[in-house]
C-alpha atoms as a PDB file:
ATOM      1  CA  MET A   1       0.000   0.000   0.000  1.00  0.00           C
ATOM      2  CA  PRO A   2       1.478   3.354  -0.960  1.00  0.00           C
ATOM      3  CA  HIS A   3       2.427   5.582   1.927  1.00  0.00           C
ATOM      4  CA  ARG A   4      -0.196   8.262   2.628  1.00  0.00           C
ATOM      5  CA  SER A   5       0.618  11.744   3.715  1.00  0.00           C
ATOM      6  CA  GLN A   6      -0.525  13.162   7.087  1.00  0.00           C
ATOM      7  CA  GLN A   7      -3.089  15.313   5.314  1.00  0.00           C
ATOM      8  CA  GLN A   8      -4.573  12.287   3.537  1.00  0.00           C
ATOM      9  CA  GLN A   9      -4.789  10.382   6.835  1.00  0.00           C
ATOM     10  CA  GLN A  10      -6.596  13.294   8.467  1.00  0.00           C
ATOM     11  CA  ARG A  11      -9.111  13.445   5.612  1.00  0.00           C
ATOM     12  CA  ALA A  12      -9.775   9.730   5.970  1.00  0.00           C
ATOM     13  CA  ARG A  13     -10.475  10.049   9.698  1.00  0.00           C
ATOM     14  CA  VAL A  14     -12.901  12.900   9.067  1.00  0.00           C
ATOM     15  CA  ALA A  15     -14.691  10.834   6.423  1.00  0.00           C
ATOM     16  CA  ARG A  16     -15.203   7.981   8.898  1.00  0.00           C
ATOM     17  CA  SER A  17     -16.457  10.280  11.727  1.00  0.00           C
ATOM     18  CA  PRO A  18     -20.239  10.754  12.297  1.00  0.00           C
ATOM     19  CA  ARG A  19     -21.354  14.045  10.824  1.00  0.00           C
ATOM     20  CA  LEU A  20     -23.003  16.608  13.116  1.00  0.00           C
ATOM     21  CA  PRO A  21     -26.209  18.142  11.808  1.00  0.00           C
ATOM     22  CA  THR A  22     -25.516  21.376  10.004  1.00  0.00           C
ATOM     23  CA  ARG A  23     -27.174  24.531  11.306  1.00  0.00           C
ATOM     24  CA  ALA A  24     -30.144  25.569   9.233  1.00  0.00           C
ATOM     25  CA  ALA A  25     -29.770  28.692   7.184  1.00  0.00           C
ATOM     26  CA  GLY A  26     -30.631  31.774   9.230  1.00  0.00           C
ATOM     27  CA  ALA A  27     -30.513  29.901  12.617  1.00  0.00           C
ATOM     28  CA  VAL A  28     -29.160  31.992  15.485  1.00  0.00           C
ATOM     29  CA  ARG A  29     -26.715  30.481  17.950  1.00  0.00           C
ATOM     30  CA  ARG A  30     -28.097  30.435  21.516  1.00  0.00           C
ATOM     31  CA  ILE A  31     -26.059  32.649  23.818  1.00  0.00           C
ATOM     32  CA  ARG A  32     -25.043  31.058  27.125  1.00  0.00           C
ATOM     33  CA  TYR A  33     -27.104  33.345  29.338  1.00  0.00           C
ATOM     34  CA  GLN A  34     -30.171  32.675  27.187  1.00  0.00           C
ATOM     35  CA  GLU A  35     -29.680  28.925  27.644  1.00  0.00           C
ATOM     36  CA  ILE A  36     -29.436  29.381  31.409  1.00  0.00           C
ATOM     37  CA  ALA A  37     -32.534  31.595  31.373  1.00  0.00           C
ATOM     38  CA  ASP A  38     -34.411  28.780  29.593  1.00  0.00           C
ATOM     39  CA  VAL A  39     -33.469  26.360  32.393  1.00  0.00           C
ATOM     40  CA  LEU A  40     -34.444  28.800  35.138  1.00  0.00           C
ATOM     41  CA  ARG A  41     -37.734  29.604  33.441  1.00  0.00           C
ATOM     42  CA  GLU A  42     -38.679  25.930  33.270  1.00  0.00           C
ATOM     43  CA  ARG A  43     -37.419  25.208  36.788  1.00  0.00           C
ATOM     44  CA  TYR A  44     -39.422  27.942  38.527  1.00  0.00           C
ATOM     45  CA  ALA A  45     -42.500  28.204  36.306  1.00  0.00           C
ATOM     46  CA  ALA A  46     -44.573  26.058  38.682  1.00  0.00           C
ATOM     47  CA  ALA A  47     -42.785  27.006  41.935  1.00  0.00           C
ATOM     48  CA  PRO A  48     -44.894  28.647  44.668  1.00  0.00           C
ATOM     49  CA  ALA A  49     -44.682  32.398  45.149  1.00  0.00           C
ATOM     50  CA  GLY A  50     -41.922  33.402  47.533  1.00  0.00           C
ATOM     51  CA  ALA A  51     -39.788  30.313  46.984  1.00  0.00           C
ATOM     52  CA  VAL A  52     -36.136  31.301  47.328  1.00  0.00           C
ATOM     53  CA  LEU A  53     -33.735  30.633  44.465  1.00  0.00           C
ATOM     54  CA  ALA A  54     -30.176  29.424  44.876  1.00  0.00           C
ATOM     55  CA  SER A  55     -27.642  32.217  45.253  1.00  0.00           C
ATOM     56  CA  GLU A  56     -25.845  33.626  42.227  1.00  0.00           C
ATOM     57  CA  SER A  57     -22.584  32.049  43.383  1.00  0.00           C
ATOM     58  CA  GLU A  58     -24.276  28.636  43.703  1.00  0.00           C
ATOM     59  CA  MET A  59     -25.753  28.986  40.212  1.00  0.00           C
ATOM     60  CA  SER A  60     -22.348  30.002  38.892  1.00  0.00           C
ATOM     61  CA  VAL A  61     -20.945  26.682  40.107  1.00  0.00           C
ATOM     62  CA  GLU A  62     -23.960  24.694  38.896  1.00  0.00           C
ATOM     63  CA  PHE A  63     -23.889  26.080  35.350  1.00  0.00           C
ATOM     64  CA  GLY A  64     -20.131  26.585  35.098  1.00  0.00           C
ATOM     65  CA  ALA A  65     -20.670  30.217  34.158  1.00  0.00           C
ATOM     66  CA  SER A  66     -19.509  33.574  35.464  1.00  0.00           C
ATOM     67  CA  ARG A  67     -21.578  35.641  37.895  1.00  0.00           C
ATOM     68  CA  VAL A  68     -22.077  38.202  35.116  1.00  0.00           C
ATOM     69  CA  THR A  69     -23.627  35.539  32.874  1.00  0.00           C
ATOM     70  CA  ILE A  70     -25.824  34.238  35.695  1.00  0.00           C
ATOM     71  CA  ARG A  71     -26.998  37.751  36.535  1.00  0.00           C
ATOM     72  CA  ARG A  72     -27.910  38.402  32.897  1.00  0.00           C
ATOM     73  CA  ALA A  73     -29.945  35.175  32.763  1.00  0.00           C
ATOM     74  CA  LEU A  74     -31.754  36.083  35.983  1.00  0.00           C
ATOM     75  CA  GLU A  75     -32.542  39.556  34.665  1.00  0.00           C
ATOM     76  CA  ILE A  76     -34.148  38.060  31.560  1.00  0.00           C
ATOM     77  CA  VAL A  77     -36.453  35.872  33.669  1.00  0.00           C
ATOM     78  CA  ARG A  78     -37.119  38.799  36.031  1.00  0.00           C
ATOM     79  CA  ASP A  79     -38.184  41.030  33.150  1.00  0.00           C
ATOM     80  CA  GLU A  80     -40.758  38.369  32.241  1.00  0.00           C
ATOM     81  CA  GLY A  81     -42.255  38.719  35.730  1.00  0.00           C
ATOM     82  CA  LEU A  82     -41.455  35.194  36.935  1.00  0.00           C
ATOM     83  CA  ILE A  83     -38.867  36.053  39.585  1.00  0.00           C
ATOM     84  CA  ALA A  84     -37.849  39.096  41.605  1.00  0.00           C
ATOM     85  CA  ALA A  85     -34.995  40.265  43.812  1.00  0.00           C
ATOM     86  CA  ARG A  86     -34.461  42.495  46.818  1.00  0.00           C
ATOM     87  CA  GLN A  87     -31.294  44.184  47.957  1.00  0.00           C
ATOM     88  CA  GLY A  88     -29.571  42.181  50.650  1.00  0.00           C
ATOM     89  CA  PHE A  89     -31.928  39.241  50.210  1.00  0.00           C
ATOM     90  CA  GLY A  90     -31.478  37.586  46.828  1.00  0.00           C
ATOM     91  CA  TRP A  91     -33.768  36.106  44.191  1.00  0.00           C
ATOM     92  CA  PHE A  92     -37.190  34.541  44.752  1.00  0.00           C
ATOM     93  CA  VAL A  93     -40.251  33.472  42.785  1.00  0.00           C
ATOM     94  CA  ALA A  94     -42.464  36.505  42.220  1.00  0.00           C
ATOM     95  CA  GLY A  95     -46.099  36.591  43.317  1.00  0.00           C
ATOM     96  CA  GLU A  96     -48.656  38.385  45.430  1.00  0.00           C
ATOM     97  CA  PRO A  97     -47.416  38.809  49.032  1.00  0.00           C
ATOM     98  CA  VAL A  98     -49.512  37.802  52.027  1.00  0.00           C
ATOM     99  CA  ARG A  99     -51.227  41.027  53.120  1.00  0.00           C
ATOM    100  CA  GLN A 100     -52.380  41.548  56.689  1.00  0.00           C
ATOM    101  CA  SER A 101     -54.743  44.359  57.571  1.00  0.00           C
ATOM    102  CA  LEU A 102     -53.996  46.448  60.654  1.00  0.00           C
ATOM    103  CA  GLU A 103     -57.536  47.812  60.890  1.00  0.00           C
ATOM    104  CA  ALA A 104     -59.064  44.982  62.931  1.00  0.00           C
ATOM    105  CA  LEU A 105     -57.991  42.154  65.201  1.00  0.00           C
ATOM    106  CA  GLY A 106     -57.745  38.975  63.163  1.00  0.00           C
ATOM    107  CA  THR A 107     -55.661  35.887  62.498  1.00  0.00           C
ATOM    108  CA  ILE A 108     -52.972  35.168  59.915  1.00  0.00           C
ATOM    109  CA  GLU A 109     -54.925  32.137  58.763  1.00  0.00           C
ATOM    110  CA  ALA A 110     -57.977  34.238  57.925  1.00  0.00           C
ATOM    111  CA  GLU A 111     -55.845  36.664  55.917  1.00  0.00           C
ATOM    112  CA  VAL A 112     -54.218  33.857  53.921  1.00  0.00           C
ATOM    113  CA  GLU A 113     -57.479  32.064  53.227  1.00  0.00           C
ATOM    114  CA  GLY A 114     -59.081  35.372  52.240  1.00  0.00           C
ATOM    115  CA  LEU A 115     -56.531  35.571  49.424  1.00  0.00           C
ATOM    116  CA  GLY A 116     -57.639  32.172  48.148  1.00  0.00           C
ATOM    117  CA  ARG A 117     -54.437  30.476  49.293  1.00  0.00           C
ATOM    118  CA  ILE A 118     -53.969  27.332  51.380  1.00  0.00           C
ATOM    119  CA  SER A 119     -53.119  28.083  55.007  1.00  0.00           C
ATOM    120  CA  GLU A 120     -51.129  25.685  57.183  1.00  0.00           C
ATOM    121  CA  ARG A 121     -49.495  25.833  60.594  1.00  0.00           C
ATOM    122  CA  LYS A 122     -46.747  23.620  61.939  1.00  0.00           C
ATOM    123  CA  ILE A 123     -45.998  23.522  65.660  1.00  0.00           C
ATOM    124  CA  ALA A 124     -42.275  23.730  66.393  1.00  0.00           C
ATOM    125  CA  GLU A 125     -42.441  23.978  70.210  1.00  0.00           C
ATOM    126  CA  PHE A 126     -45.172  23.416  72.819  1.00  0.00           C
ATOM    127  CA  ALA A 127     -44.328  23.779  76.522  1.00  0.00           C
ATOM    128  CA  PHE A 128     -45.786  24.815  79.868  1.00  0.00           C
ATOM    129  CA  GLU A 129     -42.999  26.747  81.583  1.00  0.00           C
ATOM    130  CA  SER A 130     -42.011  29.708  83.717  1.00  0.00           C
ATOM    131  CA  ALA A 131     -42.879  32.997  82.070  1.00  0.00           C
ATOM    132  CA  PRO A 132     -39.969  35.083  80.721  1.00  0.00           C
ATOM    133  CA  GLU A 133     -39.552  38.263  82.739  1.00  0.00           C
ATOM    134  CA  ARG A 134     -41.022  40.564  80.088  1.00  0.00           C
ATOM    135  CA  VAL A 135     -43.984  38.290  79.376  1.00  0.00           C
ATOM    136  CA  GLY A 136     -44.663  37.662  83.049  1.00  0.00           C
ATOM    137  CA  ALA A 137     -44.745  41.393  83.742  1.00  0.00           C
ATOM    138  CA  ILE A 138     -47.313  41.960  80.970  1.00  0.00           C
ATOM    139  CA  LEU A 139     -49.573  39.000  81.785  1.00  0.00           C
ATOM    140  CA  ALA A 140     -49.040  39.254  85.574  1.00  0.00           C
ATOM    141  CA  VAL A 141     -48.469  35.481  85.847  1.00  0.00           C
ATOM    142  CA  ASP A 142     -45.579  33.153  86.666  1.00  0.00           C
ATOM    143  CA  GLU A 143     -46.485  30.161  84.480  1.00  0.00           C
ATOM    144  CA  VAL A 144     -47.391  30.205  80.798  1.00  0.00           C
ATOM    145  CA  LEU A 145     -48.021  27.958  77.831  1.00  0.00           C
ATOM    146  CA  ARG A 146     -45.512  28.854  75.110  1.00  0.00           C
ATOM    147  CA  VAL A 147     -46.271  27.795  71.554  1.00  0.00           C
ATOM    148  CA  LYS A 148     -43.930  28.406  68.658  1.00  0.00           C
ATOM    149  CA  ARG A 149     -45.230  27.680  65.175  1.00  0.00           C
ATOM    150  CA  VAL A 150     -44.478  28.253  61.507  1.00  0.00           C
ATOM    151  CA  ASN A 151     -47.260  29.546  59.249  1.00  0.00           C
ATOM    152  CA  LEU A 152     -47.308  28.554  55.583  1.00  0.00           C
ATOM    153  CA  ALA A 153     -49.179  29.799  52.518  1.00  0.00           C
ATOM    154  CA  ASP A 154     -49.458  27.314  49.650  1.00  0.00           C
ATOM    155  CA  GLY A 155     -46.746  25.236  51.308  1.00  0.00           C
ATOM    156  CA  GLU A 156     -44.219  28.077  51.652  1.00  0.00           C
ATOM    157  CA  PRO A 157     -43.254  29.329  55.154  1.00  0.00           C
ATOM    158  CA  PHE A 158     -43.770  33.057  55.636  1.00  0.00           C
ATOM    159  CA  ALA A 159     -44.092  33.604  59.402  1.00  0.00           C
ATOM    160  CA  ILE A 160     -42.787  32.352  62.739  1.00  0.00           C
ATOM    161  CA  VAL A 161     -45.232  33.004  65.577  1.00  0.00           C
ATOM    162  CA  THR A 162     -44.538  32.562  69.291  1.00  0.00           C
ATOM    163  CA  VAL A 163     -47.496  32.914  71.673  1.00  0.00           C
ATOM    164  CA  TRP A 164     -47.462  33.059  75.468  1.00  0.00           C
ATOM    165  CA  CYS A 165     -50.743  32.361  77.267  1.00  0.00           C
ATOM    166  CA  PRO A 166     -51.359  32.147  81.052  1.00  0.00           C
ATOM    167  CA  ALA A 167     -51.080  28.481  82.028  1.00  0.00           C
ATOM    168  CA  GLU A 168     -54.373  28.708  83.922  1.00  0.00           C
ATOM    169  CA  LEU A 169     -56.268  29.690  80.765  1.00  0.00           C
ATOM    170  CA  ALA A 170     -54.493  27.100  78.618  1.00  0.00           C
ATOM    171  CA  ALA A 171     -54.579  24.197  81.079  1.00  0.00           C
ATOM    172  CA  THR A 172     -56.733  22.009  78.809  1.00  0.00           C
ATOM    173  CA  PHE A 173     -55.023  22.888  75.509  1.00  0.00           C
ATOM    174  CA  SER A 174     -53.132  20.159  73.656  1.00  0.00           C
ATOM    175  CA  ARG A 175     -50.477  20.400  70.966  1.00  0.00           C
ATOM    176  CA  ARG A 176     -53.056  19.230  68.443  1.00  0.00           C
ATOM    177  CA  ASP A 177     -55.505  21.932  69.584  1.00  0.00           C
ATOM    178  CA  VAL A 178     -53.089  24.786  68.881  1.00  0.00           C
ATOM    179  CA  GLU A 179     -52.029  23.232  65.607  1.00  0.00           C
ATOM    180  CA  ARG A 180     -55.598  23.088  64.315  1.00  0.00           C
ATOM    181  CA  ARG A 181     -57.035  26.335  65.714  1.00  0.00           C
ATOM    182  CA  PRO A 182     -55.743  29.802  66.684  1.00  0.00           C
ATOM    183  CA  PHE A 183     -55.729  30.915  70.321  1.00  0.00           C
ATOM    184  CA  TYR A 184     -58.474  33.450  69.568  1.00  0.00           C
ATOM    185  CA  GLU A 185     -60.831  30.545  68.883  1.00  0.00           C
ATOM    186  CA  LEU A 186     -59.598  28.338  71.726  1.00  0.00           C
ATOM    187  CA  LEU A 187     -59.938  30.926  74.487  1.00  0.00           C
ATOM    188  CA  ASP A 188     -63.394  31.050  76.010  1.00  0.00           C
ATOM    189  CA  VAL A 189     -63.043  34.784  76.596  1.00  0.00           C
ATOM    190  CA  GLU A 190     -64.448  37.783  74.739  1.00  0.00           C
ATOM    191  CA  LEU A 191     -61.589  39.860  73.390  1.00  0.00           C
ATOM    192  CA  ARG A 192     -61.467  43.637  73.092  1.00  0.00           C
ATOM    193  CA  GLY A 193     -58.481  44.115  70.807  1.00  0.00           C
ATOM    194  CA  ALA A 194     -54.697  44.239  70.724  1.00  0.00           C
ATOM    195  CA  THR A 195     -51.754  46.594  70.599  1.00  0.00           C
ATOM    196  CA  GLN A 196     -49.179  45.881  67.895  1.00  0.00           C
ATOM    197  CA  THR A 197     -45.660  47.211  67.536  1.00  0.00           C
ATOM    198  CA  ILE A 198     -43.964  46.594  64.194  1.00  0.00           C
ATOM    199  CA  GLY A 199     -40.281  46.952  63.463  1.00  0.00           C
ATOM    200  CA  ALA A 200     -37.485  45.496  61.358  1.00  0.00           C
ATOM    201  CA  ASP A 201     -35.049  42.682  62.089  1.00  0.00           C
ATOM    202  CA  LEU A 202     -32.588  40.295  60.435  1.00  0.00           C
ATOM    203  CA  ALA A 203     -33.014  36.532  60.299  1.00  0.00           C
ATOM    204  CA  SER A 204     -30.895  34.524  62.731  1.00  0.00           C
ATOM    205  CA  PRO A 205     -29.609  31.093  61.615  1.00  0.00           C
ATOM    206  CA  VAL A 206     -32.533  29.353  63.361  1.00  0.00           C
ATOM    207  CA  GLU A 207     -35.121  31.764  61.944  1.00  0.00           C
ATOM    208  CA  ALA A 208     -33.583  31.531  58.484  1.00  0.00           C
ATOM    209  CA  GLY A 209     -33.883  27.756  58.612  1.00  0.00           C
ATOM    210  CA  LEU A 210     -37.562  27.850  59.595  1.00  0.00           C
ATOM    211  CA  LEU A 211     -38.467  30.472  56.981  1.00  0.00           C
ATOM    212  CA  ASP A 212     -36.216  29.090  54.239  1.00  0.00           C
ATOM    213  CA  VAL A 213     -34.452  32.423  53.723  1.00  0.00           C
ATOM    214  CA  PRO A 214     -30.763  33.411  53.845  1.00  0.00           C
ATOM    215  CA  VAL A 215     -29.224  34.213  57.228  1.00  0.00           C
ATOM    216  CA  GLY A 216     -29.443  37.972  57.711  1.00  0.00           C
ATOM    217  CA  ALA A 217     -32.464  38.321  55.402  1.00  0.00           C
ATOM    218  CA  PRO A 218     -34.786  41.228  56.333  1.00  0.00           C
ATOM    219  CA  LEU A 219     -37.765  40.374  58.527  1.00  0.00           C
ATOM    220  CA  LEU A 220     -40.772  42.279  59.841  1.00  0.00           C
ATOM    221  CA  ARG A 221     -41.069  41.815  63.597  1.00  0.00           C
ATOM    222  CA  CYS A 222     -44.512  42.327  65.163  1.00  0.00           C
ATOM    223  CA  GLN A 223     -45.086  42.349  68.925  1.00  0.00           C
ATOM    224  CA  ARG A 224     -48.741  41.957  69.928  1.00  0.00           C
ATOM    225  CA  VAL A 225     -50.531  42.143  73.280  1.00  0.00           C
ATOM    226  CA  THR A 226     -54.160  40.989  73.151  1.00  0.00           C
ATOM    227  CA  THR A 227     -56.604  42.051  75.866  1.00  0.00           C
ATOM    228  CA  ASP A 228     -60.052  41.040  77.115  1.00  0.00           C
ATOM    229  CA  GLN A 229     -63.087  43.334  77.455  1.00  0.00           C
ATOM    230  CA  ASP A 230     -61.731  44.695  80.741  1.00  0.00           C
ATOM    231  CA  GLY A 231     -58.395  45.574  79.184  1.00  0.00           C
ATOM    232  CA  ARG A 232     -56.533  42.739  80.917  1.00  0.00           C
ATOM    233  CA  PRO A 233     -53.700  41.265  78.799  1.00  0.00           C
ATOM    234  CA  LEU A 234     -54.430  37.635  77.891  1.00  0.00           C
ATOM    235  CA  LEU A 235     -51.877  36.853  75.186  1.00  0.00           C
ATOM    236  CA  VAL A 236     -48.417  38.050  74.288  1.00  0.00           C
ATOM    237  CA  SER A 237     -47.172  37.104  70.835  1.00  0.00           C
ATOM    238  CA  GLU A 238     -44.202  37.715  68.598  1.00  0.00           C
ATOM    239  CA  HIS A 239     -44.579  37.397  64.828  1.00  0.00           C
ATOM    240  CA  LEU A 240     -41.609  37.242  62.464  1.00  0.00           C
ATOM    241  CA  PHE A 241     -42.537  37.714  58.805  1.00  0.00           C
ATOM    242  CA  SER A 242     -40.388  37.224  55.716  1.00  0.00           C
ATOM    243  CA  ALA A 243     -40.148  40.734  54.303  1.00  0.00           C
ATOM    244  CA  HIS A 244     -40.347  39.530  50.682  1.00  0.00           C
ATOM    245  CA  ARG A 245     -43.533  37.534  51.294  1.00  0.00           C
ATOM    246  CA  THR A 246     -45.529  39.800  53.582  1.00  0.00           C
ATOM    247  CA  GLU A 247     -47.071  43.272  53.634  1.00  0.00           C
ATOM    248  CA  PHE A 248     -49.081  45.153  56.247  1.00  0.00           C
ATOM    249  CA  VAL A 249     -51.932  47.311  55.030  1.00  0.00           C
ATOM    250  CA  VAL A 250     -53.683  50.137  56.888  1.00  0.00           C
ATOM    251  CA  ASP A 251     -56.297  52.591  55.584  1.00  0.00           C
ATOM    252  CA  LEU A 252     -55.933  56.146  56.876  1.00  0.00           C
ATOM    253  CA  PRO A 253     -59.308  57.856  57.313  1.00  0.00           C
ATOM    254  CA  LEU A 254     -59.857  61.161  55.543  1.00  0.00           C
ATOM    255  CA  ALA A 255     -60.392  62.844  58.901  1.00  0.00           C
ATOM    256  CA  GLU A 256     -56.631  62.481  59.439  1.00  0.00           C
ATOM    257  CA  PRO A 257     -55.083  63.627  56.123  1.00  0.00           C
ATOM    258  CA  SER A 258     -51.533  63.296  57.432  1.00  0.00           C
ATOM    259  CA  MET A 259     -48.620  62.120  55.326  1.00  0.00           C
ATOM    260  CA  THR A 260     -47.185  60.452  58.439  1.00  0.00           C
ATOM    261  CA  PRO A 261     -48.279  56.826  59.082  1.00  0.00           C
ATOM    262  CA  SER A 262     -50.513  56.596  62.142  1.00  0.00           C
ATOM    263  CA  GLY A 263     -48.857  55.201  65.238  1.00  0.00           C
ATOM    264  CA  LEU A 264     -45.350  56.156  64.092  1.00  0.00           C
ATOM    265  CA  ARG A 265     -42.834  56.668  66.865  1.00  0.00           C
ATOM    266  CA  LEU A 266     -39.075  56.914  67.009  1.00  0.00           C
ATOM    267  CA  VAL A 267     -37.177  54.041  68.613  1.00  0.00           C
ATOM    268  CA  GLU A 268     -35.235  55.279  71.596  1.00  0.00           C
END
């Protein structure tokens, strides 16, 4: 057999190799960030509102792409209205937040169900114990039932609620009772109302784990004291809300046409 040149050998190898399909005339090559956007769009299309996305650095590792490329892909999906972002928090699936009215005493469950969403509560802690100093001073008792729960809307956690109730009033309550019904329904007492104080906070590692948000994510912290018809405090509660999933709404009557939110006070 006559000796073949290197060039001839190379041509022979190419001839034996399977041919890749040729790109159709006029086809446009998909840019990397567009390909990643396609994956993200499919991945989060059916995800519940408020679900937190992986961080940009985690996506960079997953897709083997730079942070700049990942950010461009996220911006494409954001512009389509599927996801959103907040400074210092990260990316999450966009959707209507859980809104709670401040005009009347009510429960989180009623607010969630009023929006046509599925409300759930999961009890994290249930204990009869000595009252913390602050709680004991408000309720004027030494022993309390403390219940810590996580509230969910459509399967996504959005609030951590801790309630302290005088042990005498809650003596017959079981863990199952407080998981199925709010204290307002369990107490055989007519209530007058409550005083709420709302401020801002950052998620601790434990809180971040319960709410499925990054450590240090912004939270709304609500302190509530509920009273009976005689003005006696019956419940002390602390509510921690994911800031990206929750809003508080209050209507200001025309009789008070002030640009300052009612109840505003400076923290000392």
